[in-house]
PDB file of N, CA and C in Angstrom:
ATOM      1  N   MET A   1     -92.561 -29.448-121.939  1.00  0.00           N
ATOM      2  CA  MET A   1     -93.072 -28.638-120.837  1.00  0.00           C
ATOM      3  C   MET A   1     -92.260 -28.878-119.566  1.00  0.00           C
ATOM      4  N   GLN A   2     -91.915 -30.116-119.312  1.00  0.00           N
ATOM      5  CA  GLN A   2     -91.159 -30.423-118.118  1.00  0.00           C
ATOM      6  C   GLN A   2     -89.772 -29.797-118.163  1.00  0.00           C
ATOM      7  N   THR A   3     -89.164 -29.705-119.354  1.00  0.00           N
ATOM      8  CA  THR A   3     -87.853 -29.082-119.495  1.00  0.00           C
ATOM      9  C   THR A   3     -87.917 -27.621-119.082  1.00  0.00           C
ATOM     10  N   GLN A   4     -88.967 -26.905-119.476  1.00  0.00           N
ATOM     11  CA  GLN A   4     -89.107 -25.507-119.106  1.00  0.00           C
ATOM     12  C   GLN A   4     -89.267 -25.361-117.595  1.00  0.00           C
ATOM     13  N   GLN A   5     -90.009 -26.228-116.950  1.00  0.00           N
ATOM     14  CA  GLN A   5     -90.154 -26.170-115.499  1.00  0.00           C
ATOM     15  C   GLN A   5     -88.814 -26.386-114.821  1.00  0.00           C
ATOM     16  N   THR A   6     -88.019 -27.311-115.338  1.00  0.00           N
ATOM     17  CA  THR A   6     -86.710 -27.572-114.760  1.00  0.00           C
ATOM     18  C   THR A   6     -85.834 -26.331-114.870  1.00  0.00           C
ATOM     19  N   LYS A   7     -85.853 -25.661-116.031  1.00  0.00           N
ATOM     20  CA  LYS A   7     -85.075 -24.442-116.210  1.00  0.00           C
ATOM     21  C   LYS A   7     -85.539 -23.363-115.247  1.00  0.00           C
ATOM     22  N   GLU A   8     -86.848 -23.223-115.084  1.00  0.00           N
ATOM     23  CA  GLU A   8     -87.376 -22.216-114.176  1.00  0.00           C
ATOM     24  C   GLU A   8     -86.984 -22.518-112.737  1.00  0.00           C
ATOM     25  N   GLN A   9     -86.979 -23.782-112.360  1.00  0.00           N
ATOM     26  CA  GLN A   9     -86.575 -24.150-111.012  1.00  0.00           C
ATOM     27  C   GLN A   9     -85.104 -23.819-110.793  1.00  0.00           C
ATOM     28  N   LYS A  10     -84.266 -24.035-111.794  1.00  0.00           N
ATOM     29  CA  LYS A  10     -82.843 -23.729-111.671  1.00  0.00           C
ATOM     30  C   LYS A  10     -82.597 -22.229-111.606  1.00  0.00           C
ATOM     31  N   MET A  11     -83.505 -21.430-112.167  1.00  0.00           N
ATOM     32  CA  MET A  11     -83.331 -19.989-112.226  1.00  0.00           C
ATOM     33  C   MET A  11     -83.875 -19.275-110.998  1.00  0.00           C
ATOM     34  N   ARG A  12     -84.317 -19.986-110.012  1.00  0.00           N
ATOM     35  CA  ARG A  12     -84.867 -19.347-108.825  1.00  0.00           C
ATOM     36  C   ARG A  12     -83.784 -18.544-108.110  1.00  0.00           C
ATOM     37  N   PRO A  13     -84.153 -17.468-107.453  1.00  0.00           N
ATOM     38  CA  PRO A  13     -83.151 -16.684-106.727  1.00  0.00           C
ATOM     39  C   PRO A  13     -82.617 -17.468-105.533  1.00  0.00           C
ATOM     40  N   TYR A  14     -81.373 -17.227-105.202  1.00  0.00           N
ATOM     41  CA  TYR A  14     -80.783 -17.867-104.036  1.00  0.00           C
ATOM     42  C   TYR A  14     -81.256 -17.163-102.774  1.00  0.00           C
ATOM     43  N   THR A  15     -81.362 -17.908-101.700  1.00  0.00           N
ATOM     44  CA  THR A  15     -81.758 -17.316-100.428  1.00  0.00           C
ATOM     45  C   THR A  15     -80.547 -16.642 -99.794  1.00  0.00           C
ATOM     46  N   GLY A  16     -80.823 -15.760 -98.854  1.00  0.00           N
ATOM     47  CA  GLY A  16     -79.736 -15.101 -98.134  1.00  0.00           C
ATOM     48  C   GLY A  16     -78.842 -16.102 -97.429  1.00  0.00           C
ATOM     49  N   GLY A  17     -79.435 -17.158 -96.904  1.00  0.00           N
ATOM     50  CA  GLY A  17     -78.649 -18.189 -96.227  1.00  0.00           C
ATOM     51  C   GLY A  17     -77.715 -18.922 -97.169  1.00  0.00           C
ATOM     52  N   GLU A  18     -78.214 -19.234 -98.380  1.00  0.00           N
ATOM     53  CA  GLU A  18     -77.371 -19.910 -99.373  1.00  0.00           C
ATOM     54  C   GLU A  18     -76.197 -19.026 -99.786  1.00  0.00           C
ATOM     55  N   ILE A  19     -76.469 -17.750 -99.976  1.00  0.00           N
ATOM     56  CA  ILE A  19     -75.402 -16.832-100.366  1.00  0.00           C
ATOM     57  C   ILE A  19     -74.405 -16.662 -99.228  1.00  0.00           C
ATOM     58  N   ALA A  20     -74.881 -16.556 -98.006  1.00  0.00           N
ATOM     59  CA  ALA A  20     -73.981 -16.410 -96.859  1.00  0.00           C
ATOM     60  C   ALA A  20     -73.072 -17.626 -96.719  1.00  0.00           C
ATOM     61  N   LEU A  21     -73.643 -18.822 -96.871  1.00  0.00           N
ATOM     62  CA  LEU A  21     -72.819 -20.033 -96.801  1.00  0.00           C
ATOM     63  C   LEU A  21     -71.783 -20.051 -97.916  1.00  0.00           C
ATOM     64  N   THR A  22     -72.199 -19.672 -99.122  1.00  0.00           N
ATOM     65  CA  THR A  22     -71.278 -19.639-100.247  1.00  0.00           C
ATOM     66  C   THR A  22     -70.163 -18.637 -99.997  1.00  0.00           C
ATOM     67  N   MET A  23     -70.505 -17.460 -99.496  1.00  0.00           N
ATOM     68  CA  MET A  23     -69.482 -16.443 -99.225  1.00  0.00           C
ATOM     69  C   MET A  23     -68.499 -16.926 -98.167  1.00  0.00           C
ATOM     70  N   ASN A  24     -68.992 -17.616 -97.175  1.00  0.00           N
ATOM     71  CA  ASN A  24     -68.115 -18.156 -96.138  1.00  0.00           C
ATOM     72  C   ASN A  24     -67.174 -19.200 -96.727  1.00  0.00           C
ATOM     73  N   ASP A  25     -67.723 -20.106 -97.538  1.00  0.00           N
ATOM     74  CA  ASP A  25     -66.901 -21.140 -98.177  1.00  0.00           C
ATOM     75  C   ASP A  25     -65.853 -20.511 -99.086  1.00  0.00           C
ATOM     76  N   VAL A  26     -66.253 -19.529 -99.877  1.00  0.00           N
ATOM     77  CA  VAL A  26     -65.331 -18.874-100.808  1.00  0.00           C
ATOM     78  C   VAL A  26     -64.245 -18.128-100.042  1.00  0.00           C
ATOM     79  N   SER A  27     -64.592 -17.534 -98.927  1.00  0.00           N
ATOM     80  CA  SER A  27     -63.601 -16.840 -98.103  1.00  0.00           C
ATOM     81  C   SER A  27     -62.490 -17.800 -97.670  1.00  0.00           C
ATOM     82  N   ILE A  28     -62.870 -18.996 -97.271  1.00  0.00           N
ATOM     83  CA  ILE A  28     -61.892 -20.013 -96.871  1.00  0.00           C
ATOM     84  C   ILE A  28     -61.034 -20.422 -98.066  1.00  0.00           C
ATOM     85  N   ILE A  29     -61.661 -20.601 -99.226  1.00  0.00           N
ATOM     86  CA  ILE A  29     -60.935 -21.006-100.435  1.00  0.00           C
ATOM     87  C   ILE A  29     -59.968 -19.913-100.876  1.00  0.00           C
ATOM     88  N   VAL A  30     -60.380 -18.654-100.793  1.00  0.00           N
ATOM     89  CA  VAL A  30     -59.495 -17.535-101.148  1.00  0.00           C
ATOM     90  C   VAL A  30     -58.273 -17.528-100.241  1.00  0.00           C
ATOM     91  N   THR A  31     -58.470 -17.761 -98.963  1.00  0.00           N
ATOM     92  CA  THR A  31     -57.349 -17.830 -98.024  1.00  0.00           C
ATOM     93  C   THR A  31     -56.407 -18.978 -98.383  1.00  0.00           C
ATOM     94  N   GLU A  32     -56.966 -20.135 -98.728  1.00  0.00           N
ATOM     95  CA  GLU A  32     -56.144 -21.283 -99.125  1.00  0.00           C
ATOM     96  C   GLU A  32     -55.330 -20.965-100.378  1.00  0.00           C
ATOM     97  N   LEU A  33     -55.968 -20.357-101.369  1.00  0.00           N
ATOM     98  CA  LEU A  33     -55.256 -19.993-102.601  1.00  0.00           C
ATOM     99  C   LEU A  33     -54.129 -19.003-102.305  1.00  0.00           C
ATOM    100  N   ALA A  34     -54.402 -18.014-101.475  1.00  0.00           N
ATOM    101  CA  ALA A  34     -53.372 -17.032-101.105  1.00  0.00           C
ATOM    102  C   ALA A  34     -52.213 -17.710-100.388  1.00  0.00           C
ATOM    103  N   ASN A  35     -52.522 -18.652 -99.501  1.00  0.00           N
ATOM    104  CA  ASN A  35     -51.465 -19.379 -98.781  1.00  0.00           C
ATOM    105  C   ASN A  35     -50.615 -20.229 -99.724  1.00  0.00           C
ATOM    106  N   GLU A  36     -51.190 -20.613-100.870  1.00  0.00           N
ATOM    107  CA  GLU A  36     -50.457 -21.410-101.853  1.00  0.00           C
ATOM    108  C   GLU A  36     -49.678 -20.539-102.844  1.00  0.00           C
ATOM    109  N   GLY A  37     -49.770 -19.219-102.698  1.00  0.00           N
ATOM    110  CA  GLY A  37     -48.996 -18.316-103.543  1.00  0.00           C
ATOM    111  C   GLY A  37     -49.747 -17.684-104.693  1.00  0.00           C
ATOM    112  N   PHE A  38     -51.057 -17.877-104.756  1.00  0.00           N
ATOM    113  CA  PHE A  38     -51.852 -17.236-105.806  1.00  0.00           C
ATOM    114  C   PHE A  38     -52.252 -15.836-105.347  1.00  0.00           C
ATOM    115  N   LEU A  39     -52.418 -14.935-106.310  1.00  0.00           N
ATOM    116  CA  LEU A  39     -52.808 -13.561-106.021  1.00  0.00           C
ATOM    117  C   LEU A  39     -54.253 -13.357-106.462  1.00  0.00           C
ATOM    118  N   VAL A  40     -55.166 -13.309-105.501  1.00  0.00           N
ATOM    119  CA  VAL A  40     -56.593 -13.220-105.806  1.00  0.00           C
ATOM    120  C   VAL A  40     -56.956 -11.781-106.155  1.00  0.00           C
ATOM    121  N   ASN A  41     -57.653 -11.611-107.276  1.00  0.00           N
ATOM    122  CA  ASN A  41     -58.075 -10.301-107.756  1.00  0.00           C
ATOM    123  C   ASN A  41     -59.515 -10.002-107.340  1.00  0.00           C
ATOM    124  N   LYS A  42     -60.432 -10.931-107.634  1.00  0.00           N
ATOM    125  CA  LYS A  42     -61.838 -10.725-107.273  1.00  0.00           C
ATOM    126  C   LYS A  42     -62.573 -12.057-107.282  1.00  0.00           C
ATOM    127  N   VAL A  43     -63.778 -12.029-106.735  1.00  0.00           N
ATOM    128  CA  VAL A  43     -64.646 -13.199-106.679  1.00  0.00           C
ATOM    129  C   VAL A  43     -66.016 -12.802-107.224  1.00  0.00           C
ATOM    130  N   VAL A  44     -66.579 -13.668-108.056  1.00  0.00           N
ATOM    131  CA  VAL A  44     -67.921 -13.447-108.569  1.00  0.00           C
ATOM    132  C   VAL A  44     -68.785 -14.623-108.128  1.00  0.00           C
ATOM    133  N   ILE A  45     -69.840 -14.312-107.404  1.00  0.00           N
ATOM    134  CA  ILE A  45     -70.744 -15.354-106.920  1.00  0.00           C
ATOM    135  C   ILE A  45     -72.044 -15.243-107.706  1.00  0.00           C
ATOM    136  N   GLY A  46     -71.939 -15.194-109.018  1.00  0.00           N
ATOM    137  CA  GLY A  46     -73.119 -15.127-109.868  1.00  0.00           C
ATOM    138  C   GLY A  46     -73.905 -16.421-109.820  1.00  0.00           C
ATOM    139  N   ASN A  47     -73.208 -17.503-109.574  1.00  0.00           N
ATOM    140  CA  ASN A  47     -73.824 -18.814-109.431  1.00  0.00           C
ATOM    141  C   ASN A  47     -73.349 -19.366-108.097  1.00  0.00           C
ATOM    142  N   ALA A  48     -74.217 -19.375-107.121  1.00  0.00           N
ATOM    143  CA  ALA A  48     -73.819 -19.795-105.768  1.00  0.00           C
ATOM    144  C   ALA A  48     -73.350 -21.245-105.728  1.00  0.00           C
ATOM    145  N   GLN A  49     -73.706 -22.025-106.754  1.00  0.00           N
ATOM    146  CA  GLN A  49     -73.262 -23.414-106.783  1.00  0.00           C
ATOM    147  C   GLN A  49     -71.832 -23.550-107.306  1.00  0.00           C
ATOM    148  N   ARG A  50     -71.353 -22.545-108.061  1.00  0.00           N
ATOM    149  CA  ARG A  50     -70.011 -22.611-108.644  1.00  0.00           C
ATOM    150  C   ARG A  50     -69.457 -21.199-108.825  1.00  0.00           C
ATOM    151  N   PRO A  51     -69.002 -20.573-107.747  1.00  0.00           N
ATOM    152  CA  PRO A  51     -68.436 -19.233-107.842  1.00  0.00           C
ATOM    153  C   PRO A  51     -67.179 -19.224-108.716  1.00  0.00           C
ATOM    154  N   THR A  52     -66.846 -18.046-109.227  1.00  0.00           N
ATOM    155  CA  THR A  52     -65.633 -17.880-110.021  1.00  0.00           C
ATOM    156  C   THR A  52     -64.678 -16.972-109.269  1.00  0.00           C
ATOM    157  N   ILE A  53     -63.428 -17.416-109.145  1.00  0.00           N
ATOM    158  CA  ILE A  53     -62.380 -16.645-108.486  1.00  0.00           C
ATOM    159  C   ILE A  53     -61.395 -16.214-109.566  1.00  0.00           C
ATOM    160  N   PHE A  54     -61.139 -14.900-109.645  1.00  0.00           N
ATOM    161  CA  PHE A  54     -60.215 -14.347-110.628  1.00  0.00           C
ATOM    162  C   PHE A  54     -58.872 -14.077-109.954  1.00  0.00           C
ATOM    163  N   LEU A  55     -57.809 -14.516-110.592  1.00  0.00           N
ATOM    164  CA  LEU A  55     -56.464 -14.323-110.080  1.00  0.00           C
ATOM    165  C   LEU A  55     -55.702 -13.325-110.934  1.00  0.00           C
ATOM    166  N   PHE A  56     -54.669 -12.709-110.345  1.00  0.00           N
ATOM    167  CA  PHE A  56     -53.669 -12.015-111.129  1.00  0.00           C
ATOM    168  C   PHE A  56     -52.713 -13.090-111.628  1.00  0.00           C
ATOM    169  N   SER A  57     -52.296 -12.991-112.868  1.00  0.00           N
ATOM    170  CA  SER A  57     -51.377 -13.980-113.432  1.00  0.00           C
ATOM    171  C   SER A  57     -50.013 -13.875-112.749  1.00  0.00           C
ATOM    172  N   ASN A  58     -49.443 -15.016-112.409  1.00  0.00           N
ATOM    173  CA  ASN A  58     -48.084 -15.051-111.867  1.00  0.00           C
ATOM    174  C   ASN A  58     -47.455 -16.406-112.202  1.00  0.00           C
ATOM    175  N   ASP A  59     -46.226 -16.620-111.754  1.00  0.00           N
ATOM    176  CA  ASP A  59     -45.517 -17.871-112.057  1.00  0.00           C
ATOM    177  C   ASP A  59     -46.261 -19.095-111.532  1.00  0.00           C
ATOM    178  N   LYS A  60     -46.944 -18.951-110.426  1.00  0.00           N
ATOM    179  CA  LYS A  60     -47.702 -20.069-109.844  1.00  0.00           C
ATOM    180  C   LYS A  60     -48.778 -20.543-110.833  1.00  0.00           C
ATOM    181  N   CYS A  61     -49.431 -19.588-111.498  1.00  0.00           N
ATOM    182  CA  CYS A  61     -50.447 -19.935-112.500  1.00  0.00           C
ATOM    183  C   CYS A  61     -49.808 -20.675-113.670  1.00  0.00           C
ATOM    184  N   ARG A  62     -48.696 -20.154-114.155  1.00  0.00           N
ATOM    185  CA  ARG A  62     -48.012 -20.800-115.289  1.00  0.00           C
ATOM    186  C   ARG A  62     -47.488 -22.187-114.918  1.00  0.00           C
ATOM    187  N   ASP A  63     -47.123 -22.382-113.654  1.00  0.00           N
ATOM    188  CA  ASP A  63     -46.701 -23.716-113.202  1.00  0.00           C
ATOM    189  C   ASP A  63     -47.855 -24.717-113.323  1.00  0.00           C
ATOM    190  N   LEU A  64     -49.080 -24.282-113.054  1.00  0.00           N
ATOM    191  CA  LEU A  64     -50.241 -25.173-113.190  1.00  0.00           C
ATOM    192  C   LEU A  64     -50.450 -25.584-114.649  1.00  0.00           C
ATOM    193  N   ILE A  65     -50.214 -24.646-115.568  1.00  0.00           N
ATOM    194  CA  ILE A  65     -50.317 -24.964-116.996  1.00  0.00           C
ATOM    195  C   ILE A  65     -49.261 -25.993-117.363  1.00  0.00           C
ATOM    196  N   SER A  66     -48.024 -25.750-116.941  1.00  0.00           N
ATOM    197  CA  SER A  66     -46.916 -26.659-117.253  1.00  0.00           C
ATOM    198  C   SER A  66     -47.140 -28.069-116.722  1.00  0.00           C
ATOM    199  N   SER A  67     -47.765 -28.157-115.548  1.00  0.00           N
ATOM    200  CA  SER A  67     -47.983 -29.464-114.926  1.00  0.00           C
ATOM    201  C   SER A  67     -49.263 -30.145-115.422  1.00  0.00           C
ATOM    202  N   GLY A  68     -50.060 -29.437-116.239  1.00  0.00           N
ATOM    203  CA  GLY A  68     -51.299 -30.013-116.750  1.00  0.00           C
ATOM    204  C   GLY A  68     -52.478 -29.913-115.793  1.00  0.00           C
ATOM    205  N   LYS A  69     -52.316 -29.186-114.689  1.00  0.00           N
ATOM    206  CA  LYS A  69     -53.403 -29.048-113.712  1.00  0.00           C
ATOM    207  C   LYS A  69     -54.365 -27.915-114.069  1.00  0.00           C
ATOM    208  N   ALA A  70     -53.982 -27.095-115.054  1.00  0.00           N
ATOM    209  CA  ALA A  70     -54.839 -26.022-115.561  1.00  0.00           C
ATOM    210  C   ALA A  70     -54.689 -26.009-117.075  1.00  0.00           C
ATOM    211  N   SER A  71     -55.632 -25.365-117.733  1.00  0.00           N
ATOM    212  CA  SER A  71     -55.566 -25.275-119.193  1.00  0.00           C
ATOM    213  C   SER A  71     -55.899 -23.856-119.623  1.00  0.00           C
ATOM    214  N   TYR A  72     -55.627 -23.560-120.883  1.00  0.00           N
ATOM    215  CA  TYR A  72     -55.947 -22.249-121.440  1.00  0.00           C
ATOM    216  C   TYR A  72     -57.191 -22.315-122.307  1.00  0.00           C
ATOM    217  N   GLN A  73     -57.972 -21.252-122.242  1.00  0.00           N
ATOM    218  CA  GLN A  73     -59.066 -21.011-123.178  1.00  0.00           C
ATOM    219  C   GLN A  73     -58.656 -19.765-123.946  1.00  0.00           C
ATOM    220  N   HIS A  74     -58.886 -19.749-125.257  1.00  0.00           N
ATOM    221  CA  HIS A  74     -58.489 -18.608-126.072  1.00  0.00           C
ATOM    222  C   HIS A  74     -59.705 -17.803-126.494  1.00  0.00           C
ATOM    223  N   PHE A  75     -59.584 -16.480-126.425  1.00  0.00           N
ATOM    224  CA  PHE A  75     -60.644 -15.564-126.829  1.00  0.00           C
ATOM    225  C   PHE A  75     -60.053 -14.563-127.813  1.00  0.00           C
ATOM    226  N   ASN A  76     -60.656 -14.423-128.971  1.00  0.00           N
ATOM    227  CA  ASN A  76     -60.146 -13.508-129.991  1.00  0.00           C
ATOM    228  C   ASN A  76     -61.218 -12.531-130.460  1.00  0.00           C
ATOM    229  N   ASN A  77     -62.170 -12.206-129.615  1.00  0.00           N
ATOM    230  CA  ASN A  77     -63.272 -11.328-130.019  1.00  0.00           C
ATOM    231  C   ASN A  77     -62.783  -9.913-130.321  1.00  0.00           C
ATOM    232  N   VAL A  78     -62.177  -9.262-129.355  1.00  0.00           N
ATOM    233  CA  VAL A  78     -61.734  -7.888-129.521  1.00  0.00           C
ATOM    234  C   VAL A  78     -60.211  -7.823-129.536  1.00  0.00           C
ATOM    235  N   THR A  79     -59.595  -8.428-128.567  1.00  0.00           N
ATOM    236  CA  THR A  79     -58.137  -8.495-128.497  1.00  0.00           C
ATOM    237  C   THR A  79     -57.747  -9.946-128.280  1.00  0.00           C
ATOM    238  N   SER A  80     -56.510 -10.224-128.538  1.00  0.00           N
ATOM    239  CA  SER A  80     -56.034 -11.599-128.342  1.00  0.00           C
ATOM    240  C   SER A  80     -55.733 -11.825-126.868  1.00  0.00           C
ATOM    241  N   ILE A  81     -56.568 -12.619-126.241  1.00  0.00           N
ATOM    242  CA  ILE A  81     -56.419 -12.919-124.816  1.00  0.00           C
ATOM    243  C   ILE A  81     -56.577 -14.418-124.620  1.00  0.00           C
ATOM    244  N   LYS A  82     -55.775 -14.960-123.735  1.00  0.00           N
ATOM    245  CA  LYS A  82     -56.003 -16.340-123.324  1.00  0.00           C
ATOM    246  C   LYS A  82     -56.273 -16.328-121.827  1.00  0.00           C
ATOM    247  N   GLN A  83     -57.098 -17.257-121.408  1.00  0.00           N
ATOM    248  CA  GLN A  83     -57.502 -17.316-120.019  1.00  0.00           C
ATOM    249  C   GLN A  83     -57.164 -18.689-119.467  1.00  0.00           C
ATOM    250  N   GLY A  84     -56.380 -18.712-118.381  1.00  0.00           N
ATOM    251  CA  GLY A  84     -56.099 -19.953-117.688  1.00  0.00           C
ATOM    252  C   GLY A  84     -57.274 -20.306-116.805  1.00  0.00           C
ATOM    253  N   VAL A  85     -57.514 -21.600-116.655  1.00  0.00           N
ATOM    254  CA  VAL A  85     -58.664 -22.017-115.850  1.00  0.00           C
ATOM    255  C   VAL A  85     -58.373 -23.353-115.175  1.00  0.00           C
ATOM    256  N   PHE A  86     -58.840 -23.483-113.931  1.00  0.00           N
ATOM    257  CA  PHE A  86     -58.801 -24.766-113.220  1.00  0.00           C
ATOM    258  C   PHE A  86     -59.888 -24.768-112.160  1.00  0.00           C
ATOM    259  N   GLU A  87     -60.205 -25.938-111.666  1.00  0.00           N
ATOM    260  CA  GLU A  87     -61.204 -26.102-110.609  1.00  0.00           C
ATOM    261  C   GLU A  87     -60.489 -26.203-109.265  1.00  0.00           C
ATOM    262  N   TYR A  88     -61.066 -25.583-108.251  1.00  0.00           N
ATOM    263  CA  TYR A  88     -60.496 -25.645-106.908  1.00  0.00           C
ATOM    264  C   TYR A  88     -61.643 -25.658-105.905  1.00  0.00           C
ATOM    265  N   SER A  89     -61.808 -26.749-105.218  1.00  0.00           N
ATOM    266  CA  SER A  89     -62.836 -26.891-104.174  1.00  0.00           C
ATOM    267  C   SER A  89     -64.220 -26.442-104.641  1.00  0.00           C
ATOM    268  N   GLY A  90     -64.586 -26.816-105.846  1.00  0.00           N
ATOM    269  CA  GLY A  90     -65.901 -26.491-106.374  1.00  0.00           C
ATOM    270  C   GLY A  90     -66.015 -25.120-107.011  1.00  0.00           C
ATOM    271  N   CYS A  91     -64.934 -24.368-107.032  1.00  0.00           N
ATOM    272  CA  CYS A  91     -64.935 -23.052-107.666  1.00  0.00           C
ATOM    273  C   CYS A  91     -64.202 -23.114-108.997  1.00  0.00           C
ATOM    274  N   ARG A  92     -64.598 -22.250-109.895  1.00  0.00           N
ATOM    275  CA  ARG A  92     -63.885 -22.064-111.153  1.00  0.00           C
ATOM    276  C   ARG A  92     -62.869 -20.959-110.885  1.00  0.00           C
ATOM    277  N   VAL A  93     -61.600 -21.229-111.148  1.00  0.00           N
ATOM    278  CA  VAL A  93     -60.540 -20.255-110.898  1.00  0.00           C
ATOM    279  C   VAL A  93     -59.926 -19.882-112.240  1.00  0.00           C
ATOM    280  N   VAL A  94     -59.842 -18.578-112.522  1.00  0.00           N
ATOM    281  CA  VAL A  94     -59.364 -18.118-113.823  1.00  0.00           C
ATOM    282  C   VAL A  94     -58.387 -16.952-113.680  1.00  0.00           C
ATOM    283  N   TRP A  95     -57.566 -16.779-114.720  1.00  0.00           N
ATOM    284  CA  TRP A  95     -56.726 -15.593-114.863  1.00  0.00           C
ATOM    285  C   TRP A  95     -56.566 -15.330-116.348  1.00  0.00           C
ATOM    286  N   SER A  96     -56.293 -14.088-116.701  1.00  0.00           N
ATOM    287  CA  SER A  96     -56.150 -13.720-118.106  1.00  0.00           C
ATOM    288  C   SER A  96     -54.717 -13.338-118.417  1.00  0.00           C
ATOM    289  N   GLU A  97     -54.324 -13.634-119.656  1.00  0.00           N
ATOM    290  CA  GLU A  97     -53.011 -13.245-120.150  1.00  0.00           C
ATOM    291  C   GLU A  97     -53.181 -12.732-121.567  1.00  0.00           C
ATOM    292  N   SER A  98     -52.495 -11.672-121.888  1.00  0.00           N
ATOM    293  CA  SER A  98     -52.542 -11.112-123.232  1.00  0.00           C
ATOM    294  C   SER A  98     -51.598 -11.909-124.126  1.00  0.00           C
ATOM    295  N   LEU A  99     -51.979 -12.109-125.371  1.00  0.00           N
ATOM    296  CA  LEU A  99     -51.124 -12.802-126.335  1.00  0.00           C
ATOM    297  C   LEU A  99     -50.246 -11.807-127.098  1.00  0.00           C
ATOM    298  N   ILE A 100     -50.434 -10.541-126.846  1.00  0.00           N
ATOM    299  CA  ILE A 100     -49.677  -9.509-127.580  1.00  0.00           C
ATOM    300  C   ILE A 100     -48.391  -9.194-126.850  1.00  0.00           C
TER     301      ILE A 100
END
């Protein structure tokens, strides 16, 4: 019973203030990523505790893979796609690459 209460507490809607703070923080992080040479495509704040930032793939992304600072996840559901992923200031940062 306590496990269900914990899940329900985690599923509560975020307040406007929490979302505003998250959007402000993400805005700063997007600017930092752009200044470092990444090309930001979109941001998803589905989870205000850990937003996801989507990048366009470029050499900077592949450099992170080469240096071990990012890794690939492979998805073969419909088409062969691999997704690069790394953490940046509490955000999940991803980009997709086709294997074809």
